[in-house]
Amino acid sequence: LSGGQKQAVAIARAVHFKSKVLLLDEPTSALSVKETRFVHDFMIKLKNEGISSVYVSHTISNVFNVVDRFVVLRRGENAGEFLKEETSVEEISELLISHSSEDEN
């Protein structure tokens, strides 16, 4: 199995045991673009079946089409919440960058 297929199997295993919420911490970090697309397509299918997920990622552009909303955390605190329809990759990236520069000061 490819890396993407292995991730999909791990997610499917959680679904098999009737999980209603999936916690995914960087599920595509070691995957190729093709494998990442495979996992994201699978996640969209699950979302359409009513299964929710919490997707932790540092790559906003990769997850933008998969999620419905974003919660940006900085040092464990809520730095902002956005519905996908009301934001952009650029706005979220700017929030992350501005908080990163504040942390350096």
PDB file of N, CA and C in Angstrom:
ATOM      1  N   LEU A   1       0.838  -1.192   0.000  1.00  0.00           N
ATOM      2  CA  LEU A   1       0.000   0.000   0.000  1.00  0.00           C
ATOM      3  C   LEU A   1       0.879   1.250   0.000  1.00  0.00           C
ATOM      4  N   SER A   2       0.403   2.277  -0.696  1.00  0.00           N
ATOM      5  CA  SER A   2       1.115   3.551  -0.689  1.00  0.00           C
ATOM      6  C   SER A   2       0.878   4.246   0.654  1.00  0.00           C
ATOM      7  N   GLY A   3       1.632   5.309   0.901  1.00  0.00           N
ATOM      8  CA  GLY A   3       1.446   6.061   2.139  1.00  0.00           C
ATOM      9  C   GLY A   3       0.039   6.616   2.268  1.00  0.00           C
ATOM     10  N   GLY A   4      -0.496   7.127   1.157  1.00  0.00           N
ATOM     11  CA  GLY A   4      -1.862   7.657   1.170  1.00  0.00           C
ATOM     12  C   GLY A   4      -2.889   6.583   1.449  1.00  0.00           C
ATOM     13  N   GLN A   5      -2.676   5.411   0.869  1.00  0.00           N
ATOM     14  CA  GLN A   5      -3.597   4.297   1.110  1.00  0.00           C
ATOM     15  C   GLN A   5      -3.523   3.839   2.563  1.00  0.00           C
ATOM     16  N   LYS A   6      -2.320   3.840   3.134  1.00  0.00           N
ATOM     17  CA  LYS A   6      -2.173   3.462   4.546  1.00  0.00           C
ATOM     18  C   LYS A   6      -2.914   4.451   5.444  1.00  0.00           C
ATOM     19  N   GLN A   7      -2.802   5.746   5.135  1.00  0.00           N
ATOM     20  CA  GLN A   7      -3.523   6.745   5.928  1.00  0.00           C
ATOM     21  C   GLN A   7      -5.028   6.546   5.787  1.00  0.00           C
ATOM     22  N   ALA A   8      -5.483   6.274   4.562  1.00  0.00           N
ATOM     23  CA  ALA A   8      -6.914   6.048   4.334  1.00  0.00           C
ATOM     24  C   ALA A   8      -7.393   4.820   5.093  1.00  0.00           C
ATOM     25  N   VAL A   9      -6.577   3.780   5.153  1.00  0.00           N
ATOM     26  CA  VAL A   9      -6.939   2.573   5.905  1.00  0.00           C
ATOM     27  C   VAL A   9      -7.044   2.904   7.394  1.00  0.00           C
ATOM     28  N   ALA A  10      -6.102   3.702   7.904  1.00  0.00           N
ATOM     29  CA  ALA A  10      -6.152   4.082   9.322  1.00  0.00           C
ATOM     30  C   ALA A  10      -7.418   4.883   9.617  1.00  0.00           C
ATOM     31  N   ILE A  11      -7.776   5.789   8.722  1.00  0.00           N
ATOM     32  CA  ILE A  11      -8.996   6.575   8.895  1.00  0.00           C
ATOM     33  C   ILE A  11     -10.220   5.670   8.791  1.00  0.00           C
ATOM     34  N   ALA A  12     -10.215   4.770   7.812  1.00  0.00           N
ATOM     35  CA  ALA A  12     -11.341   3.838   7.632  1.00  0.00           C
ATOM     36  C   ALA A  12     -11.513   2.943   8.855  1.00  0.00           C
ATOM     37  N   ARG A  13     -10.415   2.577   9.487  1.00  0.00           N
ATOM     38  CA  ARG A  13     -10.485   1.753  10.699  1.00  0.00           C
ATOM     39  C   ARG A  13     -11.248   2.500  11.790  1.00  0.00           C
ATOM     40  N   ALA A  14     -10.959   3.779  11.946  1.00  0.00           N
ATOM     41  CA  ALA A  14     -11.673   4.578  12.947  1.00  0.00           C
ATOM     42  C   ALA A  14     -13.158   4.657  12.606  1.00  0.00           C
ATOM     43  N   VAL A  15     -13.460   4.800  11.324  1.00  0.00           N
ATOM     44  CA  VAL A  15     -14.859   4.861  10.886  1.00  0.00           C
ATOM     45  C   VAL A  15     -15.554   3.532  11.148  1.00  0.00           C
ATOM     46  N   HIS A  16     -14.846   2.444  10.903  1.00  0.00           N
ATOM     47  CA  HIS A  16     -15.414   1.107  11.125  1.00  0.00           C
ATOM     48  C   HIS A  16     -15.882   0.937  12.566  1.00  0.00           C
ATOM     49  N   PHE A  17     -15.131   1.526  13.486  1.00  0.00           N
ATOM     50  CA  PHE A  17     -15.496   1.419  14.896  1.00  0.00           C
ATOM     51  C   PHE A  17     -16.464   2.525  15.314  1.00  0.00           C
ATOM     52  N   LYS A  18     -17.142   3.099  14.316  1.00  0.00           N
ATOM     53  CA  LYS A  18     -18.237   4.050  14.512  1.00  0.00           C
ATOM     54  C   LYS A  18     -17.812   5.359  15.171  1.00  0.00           C
ATOM     55  N   SER A  19     -16.597   5.789  14.906  1.00  0.00           N
ATOM     56  CA  SER A  19     -16.162   7.100  15.384  1.00  0.00           C
ATOM     57  C   SER A  19     -16.978   8.178  14.691  1.00  0.00           C
ATOM     58  N   LYS A  20     -17.430   9.151  15.440  1.00  0.00           N
ATOM     59  CA  LYS A  20     -18.182  10.271  14.868  1.00  0.00           C
ATOM     60  C   LYS A  20     -17.282  11.473  14.613  1.00  0.00           C
ATOM     61  N   VAL A  21     -16.130  11.487  15.277  1.00  0.00           N
ATOM     62  CA  VAL A  21     -15.163  12.566  15.092  1.00  0.00           C
ATOM     63  C   VAL A  21     -13.787  11.940  14.935  1.00  0.00           C
ATOM     64  N   LEU A  22     -13.062  12.397  13.924  1.00  0.00           N
ATOM     65  CA  LEU A  22     -11.695  11.929  13.701  1.00  0.00           C
ATOM     66  C   LEU A  22     -10.732  13.036  14.106  1.00  0.00           C
ATOM     67  N   LEU A  23      -9.699  12.691  14.844  1.00  0.00           N
ATOM     68  CA  LEU A  23      -8.646  13.635  15.196  1.00  0.00           C
ATOM     69  C   LEU A  23      -7.436  13.303  14.334  1.00  0.00           C
ATOM     70  N   LEU A  24      -7.089  14.204  13.442  1.00  0.00           N
ATOM     71  CA  LEU A  24      -6.035  13.962  12.464  1.00  0.00           C
ATOM     72  C   LEU A  24      -4.910  14.972  12.670  1.00  0.00           C
ATOM     73  N   ASP A  25      -3.778  14.511  13.143  1.00  0.00           N
ATOM     74  CA  ASP A  25      -2.635  15.379  13.405  1.00  0.00           C
ATOM     75  C   ASP A  25      -1.626  15.221  12.278  1.00  0.00           C
ATOM     76  N   GLU A  26      -1.577  16.217  11.395  1.00  0.00           N
ATOM     77  CA  GLU A  26      -0.667  16.212  10.240  1.00  0.00           C
ATOM     78  C   GLU A  26      -0.750  14.891   9.465  1.00  0.00           C
ATOM     79  N   PRO A  27      -1.947  14.466   9.050  1.00  0.00           N
ATOM     80  CA  PRO A  27      -2.088  13.150   8.411  1.00  0.00           C
ATOM     81  C   PRO A  27      -1.414  13.022   7.052  1.00  0.00           C
ATOM     82  N   THR A  28      -1.055  14.149   6.439  1.00  0.00           N
ATOM     83  CA  THR A  28      -0.449  14.075   5.104  1.00  0.00           C
ATOM     84  C   THR A  28       0.990  14.581   5.081  1.00  0.00           C
ATOM     85  N   SER A  29       1.591  14.767   6.242  1.00  0.00           N
ATOM     86  CA  SER A  29       2.915  15.402   6.304  1.00  0.00           C
ATOM     87  C   SER A  29       4.004  14.639   5.559  1.00  0.00           C
ATOM     88  N   ALA A  30       3.926  13.340   5.488  1.00  0.00           N
ATOM     89  CA  ALA A  30       4.977  12.557   4.823  1.00  0.00           C
ATOM     90  C   ALA A  30       4.508  11.978   3.489  1.00  0.00           C
ATOM     91  N   LEU A  31       3.424  12.533   2.933  1.00  0.00           N
ATOM     92  CA  LEU A  31       2.847  11.961   1.724  1.00  0.00           C
ATOM     93  C   LEU A  31       3.173  12.799   0.493  1.00  0.00           C
ATOM     94  N   SER A  32       3.142  12.140  -0.653  1.00  0.00           N
ATOM     95  CA  SER A  32       3.317  12.840  -1.928  1.00  0.00           C
ATOM     96  C   SER A  32       2.051  13.640  -2.236  1.00  0.00           C
ATOM     97  N   VAL A  33       2.123  14.465  -3.262  1.00  0.00           N
ATOM     98  CA  VAL A  33       0.958  15.250  -3.673  1.00  0.00           C
ATOM     99  C   VAL A  33      -0.196  14.326  -4.053  1.00  0.00           C
ATOM    100  N   LYS A  34       0.095  13.279  -4.786  1.00  0.00           N
ATOM    101  CA  LYS A  34      -0.937  12.327  -5.208  1.00  0.00           C
ATOM    102  C   LYS A  34      -1.565  11.626  -4.001  1.00  0.00           C
ATOM    103  N   GLU A  35      -0.731  11.196  -3.052  1.00  0.00           N
ATOM    104  CA  GLU A  35      -1.235  10.516  -1.854  1.00  0.00           C
ATOM    105  C   GLU A  35      -2.051  11.474  -0.982  1.00  0.00           C
ATOM    106  N   THR A  36      -1.600  12.722  -0.900  1.00  0.00           N
ATOM    107  CA  THR A  36      -2.336  13.734  -0.143  1.00  0.00           C
ATOM    108  C   THR A  36      -3.719  13.938  -0.744  1.00  0.00           C
ATOM    109  N   ARG A  37      -3.797  14.022  -2.052  1.00  0.00           N
ATOM    110  CA  ARG A  37      -5.084  14.183  -2.735  1.00  0.00           C
ATOM    111  C   ARG A  37      -6.003  13.002  -2.425  1.00  0.00           C
ATOM    112  N   PHE A  38      -5.439  11.788  -2.423  1.00  0.00           N
ATOM    113  CA  PHE A  38      -6.209  10.582  -2.120  1.00  0.00           C
ATOM    114  C   PHE A  38      -6.815  10.678  -0.718  1.00  0.00           C
ATOM    115  N   VAL A  39      -6.009  11.055   0.260  1.00  0.00           N
ATOM    116  CA  VAL A  39      -6.485  11.176   1.648  1.00  0.00           C
ATOM    117  C   VAL A  39      -7.538  12.279   1.751  1.00  0.00           C
ATOM    118  N   HIS A  40      -7.289  13.418   1.120  1.00  0.00           N
ATOM    119  CA  HIS A  40      -8.249  14.521   1.183  1.00  0.00           C
ATOM    120  C   HIS A  40      -9.577  14.144   0.537  1.00  0.00           C
ATOM    121  N   ASP A  41      -9.525  13.459  -0.598  1.00  0.00           N
ATOM    122  CA  ASP A  41     -10.767  13.010  -1.248  1.00  0.00           C
ATOM    123  C   ASP A  41     -11.546  12.074  -0.330  1.00  0.00           C
ATOM    124  N   PHE A  42     -10.826  11.198   0.362  1.00  0.00           N
ATOM    125  CA  PHE A  42     -11.459  10.268   1.296  1.00  0.00           C
ATOM    126  C   PHE A  42     -12.089  11.029   2.462  1.00  0.00           C
ATOM    127  N   MET A  43     -11.389  12.047   2.958  1.00  0.00           N
ATOM    128  CA  MET A  43     -11.911  12.842   4.069  1.00  0.00           C
ATOM    129  C   MET A  43     -13.167  13.612   3.659  1.00  0.00           C
ATOM    130  N   ILE A  44     -13.187  14.130   2.443  1.00  0.00           N
ATOM    131  CA  ILE A  44     -14.373  14.833   1.946  1.00  0.00           C
ATOM    132  C   ILE A  44     -15.552  13.870   1.861  1.00  0.00           C
ATOM    133  N   LYS A  45     -15.291  12.659   1.405  1.00  0.00           N
ATOM    134  CA  LYS A  45     -16.342  11.633   1.337  1.00  0.00           C
ATOM    135  C   LYS A  45     -16.912  11.366   2.733  1.00  0.00           C
ATOM    136  N   LEU A  46     -16.035  11.228   3.718  1.00  0.00           N
ATOM    137  CA  LEU A  46     -16.492  10.989   5.091  1.00  0.00           C
ATOM    138  C   LEU A  46     -17.291  12.177   5.620  1.00  0.00           C
ATOM    139  N   LYS A  47     -16.821  13.382   5.325  1.00  0.00           N
ATOM    140  CA  LYS A  47     -17.538  14.588   5.759  1.00  0.00           C
ATOM    141  C   LYS A  47     -18.952  14.589   5.185  1.00  0.00           C
ATOM    142  N   ASN A  48     -19.066  14.206   3.928  1.00  0.00           N
ATOM    143  CA  ASN A  48     -20.381  14.154   3.280  1.00  0.00           C
ATOM    144  C   ASN A  48     -21.278  13.078   3.884  1.00  0.00           C
ATOM    145  N   GLU A  49     -20.678  12.115   4.585  1.00  0.00           N
ATOM    146  CA  GLU A  49     -21.435  11.061   5.266  1.00  0.00           C
ATOM    147  C   GLU A  49     -21.726  11.419   6.720  1.00  0.00           C
ATOM    148  N   GLY A  50     -21.373  12.644   7.129  1.00  0.00           N
ATOM    149  CA  GLY A  50     -21.696  13.111   8.471  1.00  0.00           C
ATOM    150  C   GLY A  50     -20.633  12.858   9.519  1.00  0.00           C
ATOM    151  N   ILE A  51     -19.441  12.479   9.109  1.00  0.00           N
ATOM    152  CA  ILE A  51     -18.355  12.246  10.062  1.00  0.00           C
ATOM    153  C   ILE A  51     -17.494  13.503  10.130  1.00  0.00           C
ATOM    154  N   SER A  52     -17.348  14.040  11.328  1.00  0.00           N
ATOM    155  CA  SER A  52     -16.572  15.261  11.537  1.00  0.00           C
ATOM    156  C   SER A  52     -15.111  14.923  11.766  1.00  0.00           C
ATOM    157  N   SER A  53     -14.259  15.905  11.527  1.00  0.00           N
ATOM    158  CA  SER A  53     -12.843  15.696  11.815  1.00  0.00           C
ATOM    159  C   SER A  53     -12.210  16.988  12.294  1.00  0.00           C
ATOM    160  N   VAL A  54     -11.216  16.830  13.138  1.00  0.00           N
ATOM    161  CA  VAL A  54     -10.357  17.920  13.564  1.00  0.00           C
ATOM    162  C   VAL A  54      -9.032  17.653  12.874  1.00  0.00           C
ATOM    163  N   TYR A  55      -8.638  18.559  12.005  1.00  0.00           N
ATOM    164  CA  TYR A  55      -7.476  18.363  11.143  1.00  0.00           C
ATOM    165  C   TYR A  55      -6.406  19.364  11.552  1.00  0.00           C
ATOM    166  N   VAL A  56      -5.324  18.887  12.133  1.00  0.00           N
ATOM    167  CA  VAL A  56      -4.214  19.741  12.536  1.00  0.00           C
ATOM    168  C   VAL A  56      -3.217  19.779  11.390  1.00  0.00           C
ATOM    169  N   SER A  57      -2.880  20.990  10.951  1.00  0.00           N
ATOM    170  CA  SER A  57      -1.931  21.122   9.848  1.00  0.00           C
ATOM    171  C   SER A  57      -1.259  22.483   9.895  1.00  0.00           C
ATOM    172  N   HIS A  58      -0.021  22.515   9.427  1.00  0.00           N
ATOM    173  CA  HIS A  58       0.701  23.772   9.261  1.00  0.00           C
ATOM    174  C   HIS A  58       0.666  24.217   7.806  1.00  0.00           C
ATOM    175  N   THR A  59       0.066  23.418   6.943  1.00  0.00           N
ATOM    176  CA  THR A  59       0.014  23.711   5.515  1.00  0.00           C
ATOM    177  C   THR A  59      -1.415  24.103   5.154  1.00  0.00           C
ATOM    178  N   ILE A  60      -1.719  25.372   5.307  1.00  0.00           N
ATOM    179  CA  ILE A  60      -3.080  25.872   5.120  1.00  0.00           C
ATOM    180  C   ILE A  60      -3.574  25.626   3.702  1.00  0.00           C
ATOM    181  N   SER A  61      -2.730  25.881   2.716  1.00  0.00           N
ATOM    182  CA  SER A  61      -3.172  25.739   1.322  1.00  0.00           C
ATOM    183  C   SER A  61      -3.591  24.309   0.998  1.00  0.00           C
ATOM    184  N   ASN A  62      -2.984  23.332   1.654  1.00  0.00           N
ATOM    185  CA  ASN A  62      -3.341  21.933   1.392  1.00  0.00           C
ATOM    186  C   ASN A  62      -4.700  21.552   1.956  1.00  0.00           C
ATOM    187  N   VAL A  63      -5.091  22.149   3.056  1.00  0.00           N
ATOM    188  CA  VAL A  63      -6.334  21.736   3.710  1.00  0.00           C
ATOM    189  C   VAL A  63      -7.512  22.652   3.410  1.00  0.00           C
ATOM    190  N   PHE A  64      -7.268  23.749   2.720  1.00  0.00           N
ATOM    191  CA  PHE A  64      -8.321  24.744   2.513  1.00  0.00           C
ATOM    192  C   PHE A  64      -9.562  24.144   1.863  1.00  0.00           C
ATOM    193  N   ASN A  65      -9.395  23.249   0.907  1.00  0.00           N
ATOM    194  CA  ASN A  65     -10.543  22.668   0.210  1.00  0.00           C
ATOM    195  C   ASN A  65     -11.175  21.496   0.953  1.00  0.00           C
ATOM    196  N   VAL A  66     -10.592  21.096   2.061  1.00  0.00           N
ATOM    197  CA  VAL A  66     -11.088  19.933   2.803  1.00  0.00           C
ATOM    198  C   VAL A  66     -11.965  20.355   3.981  1.00  0.00           C
ATOM    199  N   VAL A  67     -11.655  21.486   4.576  1.00  0.00           N
ATOM    200  CA  VAL A  67     -12.314  21.870   5.823  1.00  0.00           C
ATOM    201  C   VAL A  67     -13.448  22.865   5.590  1.00  0.00           C
ATOM    202  N   ASP A  68     -14.320  22.996   6.599  1.00  0.00           N
ATOM    203  CA  ASP A  68     -15.406  23.977   6.560  1.00  0.00           C
ATOM    204  C   ASP A  68     -15.043  25.239   7.330  1.00  0.00           C
ATOM    205  N   ARG A  69     -14.197  25.073   8.348  1.00  0.00           N
ATOM    206  CA  ARG A  69     -13.782  26.230   9.136  1.00  0.00           C
ATOM    207  C   ARG A  69     -12.387  26.012   9.693  1.00  0.00           C
ATOM    208  N   PHE A  70     -11.777  27.128  10.074  1.00  0.00           N
ATOM    209  CA  PHE A  70     -10.431  27.119  10.630  1.00  0.00           C
ATOM    210  C   PHE A  70     -10.463  27.688  12.035  1.00  0.00           C
ATOM    211  N   VAL A  71      -9.691  27.092  12.912  1.00  0.00           N
ATOM    212  CA  VAL A  71      -9.416  27.660  14.220  1.00  0.00           C
ATOM    213  C   VAL A  71      -7.901  27.740  14.307  1.00  0.00           C
ATOM    214  N   VAL A  72      -7.391  28.952  14.429  1.00  0.00           N
ATOM    215  CA  VAL A  72      -5.950  29.159  14.500  1.00  0.00           C
ATOM    216  C   VAL A  72      -5.569  29.257  15.970  1.00  0.00           C
ATOM    217  N   LEU A  73      -4.675  28.375  16.393  1.00  0.00           N
ATOM    218  CA  LEU A  73      -4.193  28.387  17.772  1.00  0.00           C
ATOM    219  C   LEU A  73      -2.769  28.919  17.803  1.00  0.00           C
ATOM    220  N   ARG A  74      -2.481  29.719  18.796  1.00  0.00           N
ATOM    221  CA  ARG A  74      -1.138  30.235  19.002  1.00  0.00           C
ATOM    222  C   ARG A  74      -0.809  30.044  20.465  1.00  0.00           C
ATOM    223  N   ARG A  75       0.213  29.247  20.741  1.00  0.00           N
ATOM    224  CA  ARG A  75       0.603  28.941  22.121  1.00  0.00           C
ATOM    225  C   ARG A  75      -0.583  28.439  22.939  1.00  0.00           C
ATOM    226  N   GLY A  76      -1.411  27.613  22.295  1.00  0.00           N
ATOM    227  CA  GLY A  76      -2.541  26.993  22.965  1.00  0.00           C
ATOM    228  C   GLY A  76      -3.761  27.875  23.136  1.00  0.00           C
ATOM    229  N   GLU A  77      -3.709  29.096  22.618  1.00  0.00           N
ATOM    230  CA  GLU A  77      -4.846  30.004  22.740  1.00  0.00           C
ATOM    231  C   GLU A  77      -5.447  30.282  21.372  1.00  0.00           C
ATOM    232  N   ASN A  78      -6.746  30.524  21.363  1.00  0.00           N
ATOM    233  CA  ASN A  78      -7.465  30.804  20.130  1.00  0.00           C
ATOM    234  C   ASN A  78      -7.033  32.165  19.585  1.00  0.00           C
ATOM    235  N   ALA A  79      -6.412  32.148  18.401  1.00  0.00           N
ATOM    236  CA  ALA A  79      -5.971  33.385  17.754  1.00  0.00           C
ATOM    237  C   ALA A  79      -6.951  33.836  16.680  1.00  0.00           C
ATOM    238  N   GLY A  80      -7.938  33.005  16.372  1.00  0.00           N
ATOM    239  CA  GLY A  80      -8.938  33.375  15.379  1.00  0.00           C
ATOM    240  C   GLY A  80      -9.719  32.181  14.883  1.00  0.00           C
ATOM    241  N   GLU A  81     -10.980  32.428  14.540  1.00  0.00           N
ATOM    242  CA  GLU A  81     -11.846  31.392  13.962  1.00  0.00           C
ATOM    243  C   GLU A  81     -12.453  31.947  12.687  1.00  0.00           C
ATOM    244  N   PHE A  82     -12.488  31.107  11.643  1.00  0.00           N
ATOM    245  CA  PHE A  82     -12.962  31.551  10.337  1.00  0.00           C
ATOM    246  C   PHE A  82     -13.772  30.458   9.664  1.00  0.00           C
ATOM    247  N   LEU A  83     -14.883  30.835   9.045  1.00  0.00           N
ATOM    248  CA  LEU A  83     -15.576  29.933   8.132  1.00  0.00           C
ATOM    249  C   LEU A  83     -14.852  30.015   6.797  1.00  0.00           C
ATOM    250  N   LYS A  84     -14.728  28.896   6.124  1.00  0.00           N
ATOM    251  CA  LYS A  84     -13.982  28.873   4.867  1.00  0.00           C
ATOM    252  C   LYS A  84     -14.542  29.883   3.867  1.00  0.00           C
ATOM    253  N   GLU A  85     -15.881  30.007   3.796  1.00  0.00           N
ATOM    254  CA  GLU A  85     -16.500  30.915   2.829  1.00  0.00           C
ATOM    255  C   GLU A  85     -16.188  32.377   3.113  1.00  0.00           C
ATOM    256  N   GLU A  86     -15.760  32.673   4.345  1.00  0.00           N
ATOM    257  CA  GLU A  86     -15.549  34.063   4.747  1.00  0.00           C
ATOM    258  C   GLU A  86     -14.082  34.430   4.896  1.00  0.00           C
ATOM    259  N   THR A  87     -13.183  33.561   4.427  1.00  0.00           N
ATOM    260  CA  THR A  87     -11.758  33.843   4.585  1.00  0.00           C
ATOM    261  C   THR A  87     -11.005  33.378   3.351  1.00  0.00           C
ATOM    262  N   SER A  88      -9.706  33.495   3.415  1.00  0.00           N
ATOM    263  CA  SER A  88      -8.846  33.050   2.318  1.00  0.00           C
ATOM    264  C   SER A  88      -7.576  32.446   2.906  1.00  0.00           C
ATOM    265  N   VAL A  89      -6.868  31.722   2.077  1.00  0.00           N
ATOM    266  CA  VAL A  89      -5.575  31.167   2.490  1.00  0.00           C
ATOM    267  C   VAL A  89      -4.666  32.308   2.930  1.00  0.00           C
ATOM    268  N   GLU A  90      -4.714  33.410   2.196  1.00  0.00           N
ATOM    269  CA  GLU A  90      -3.857  34.557   2.497  1.00  0.00           C
ATOM    270  C   GLU A  90      -4.159  35.156   3.869  1.00  0.00           C
ATOM    271  N   GLU A  91      -5.449  35.285   4.207  1.00  0.00           N
ATOM    272  CA  GLU A  91      -5.818  35.865   5.496  1.00  0.00           C
ATOM    273  C   GLU A  91      -5.332  34.992   6.653  1.00  0.00           C
ATOM    274  N   ILE A  92      -5.515  33.707   6.531  1.00  0.00           N
ATOM    275  CA  ILE A  92      -5.081  32.802   7.597  1.00  0.00           C
ATOM    276  C   ILE A  92      -3.562  32.773   7.680  1.00  0.00           C
ATOM    277  N   SER A  93      -2.904  32.733   6.529  1.00  0.00           N
ATOM    278  CA  SER A  93      -1.439  32.747   6.507  1.00  0.00           C
ATOM    279  C   SER A  93      -0.904  34.021   7.142  1.00  0.00           C
ATOM    280  N   GLU A  94      -1.538  35.152   6.851  1.00  0.00           N
ATOM    281  CA  GLU A  94      -1.125  36.432   7.435  1.00  0.00           C
ATOM    282  C   GLU A  94      -1.267  36.400   8.954  1.00  0.00           C
ATOM    283  N   LEU A  95      -2.343  35.820   9.445  1.00  0.00           N
ATOM    284  CA  LEU A  95      -2.537  35.700  10.891  1.00  0.00           C
ATOM    285  C   LEU A  95      -1.407  34.875  11.510  1.00  0.00           C
ATOM    286  N   LEU A  96      -1.059  33.783  10.854  1.00  0.00           N
ATOM    287  CA  LEU A  96       0.026  32.937  11.360  1.00  0.00           C
ATOM    288  C   LEU A  96       1.357  33.674  11.330  1.00  0.00           C
ATOM    289  N   ILE A  97       1.621  34.383  10.242  1.00  0.00           N
ATOM    290  CA  ILE A  97       2.890  35.104  10.103  1.00  0.00           C
ATOM    291  C   ILE A  97       2.977  36.235  11.114  1.00  0.00           C
ATOM    292  N   SER A  98       1.899  36.995  11.288  1.00  0.00           N
ATOM    293  CA  SER A  98       1.931  38.118  12.226  1.00  0.00           C
ATOM    294  C   SER A  98       2.130  37.626  13.651  1.00  0.00           C
ATOM    295  N   HIS A  99       1.521  36.507  13.989  1.00  0.00           N
ATOM    296  CA  HIS A  99       1.717  35.953  15.331  1.00  0.00           C
ATOM    297  C   HIS A  99       3.125  35.406  15.487  1.00  0.00           C
ATOM    298  N   SER A 100       3.699  34.855  14.434  1.00  0.00           N
ATOM    299  CA  SER A 100       5.069  34.341  14.508  1.00  0.00           C
ATOM    300  C   SER A 100       6.042  35.477  14.777  1.00  0.00           C
ATOM    301  N   SER A 101       5.859  36.612  14.108  1.00  0.00           N
ATOM    302  CA  SER A 101       6.771  37.731  14.319  1.00  0.00           C
ATOM    303  C   SER A 101       6.580  38.337  15.706  1.00  0.00           C
ATOM    304  N   GLU A 102       5.342  38.313  16.238  1.00  0.00           N
ATOM    305  CA  GLU A 102       5.109  38.786  17.602  1.00  0.00           C
ATOM    306  C   GLU A 102       5.822  37.894  18.608  1.00  0.00           C
ATOM    307  N   ASP A 103       5.855  36.581  18.342  1.00  0.00           N
ATOM    308  CA  ASP A 103       6.512  35.642  19.246  1.00  0.00           C
ATOM    309  C   ASP A 103       8.011  35.887  19.306  1.00  0.00           C
ATOM    310  N   GLU A 104       8.588  36.375  18.200  1.00  0.00           N
ATOM    311  CA  GLU A 104      10.031  36.594  18.152  1.00  0.00           C
ATOM    312  C   GLU A 104      10.434  37.820  18.945  1.00  0.00           C
ATOM    313  N   ASN A 105       9.502  38.750  19.166  1.00  0.00           N
ATOM    314  CA  ASN A 105       9.823  39.996  19.882  1.00  0.00           C
ATOM    315  C   ASN A 105       9.741  39.823  21.367  1.00  0.00           C
TER     316      ASN A 105
END
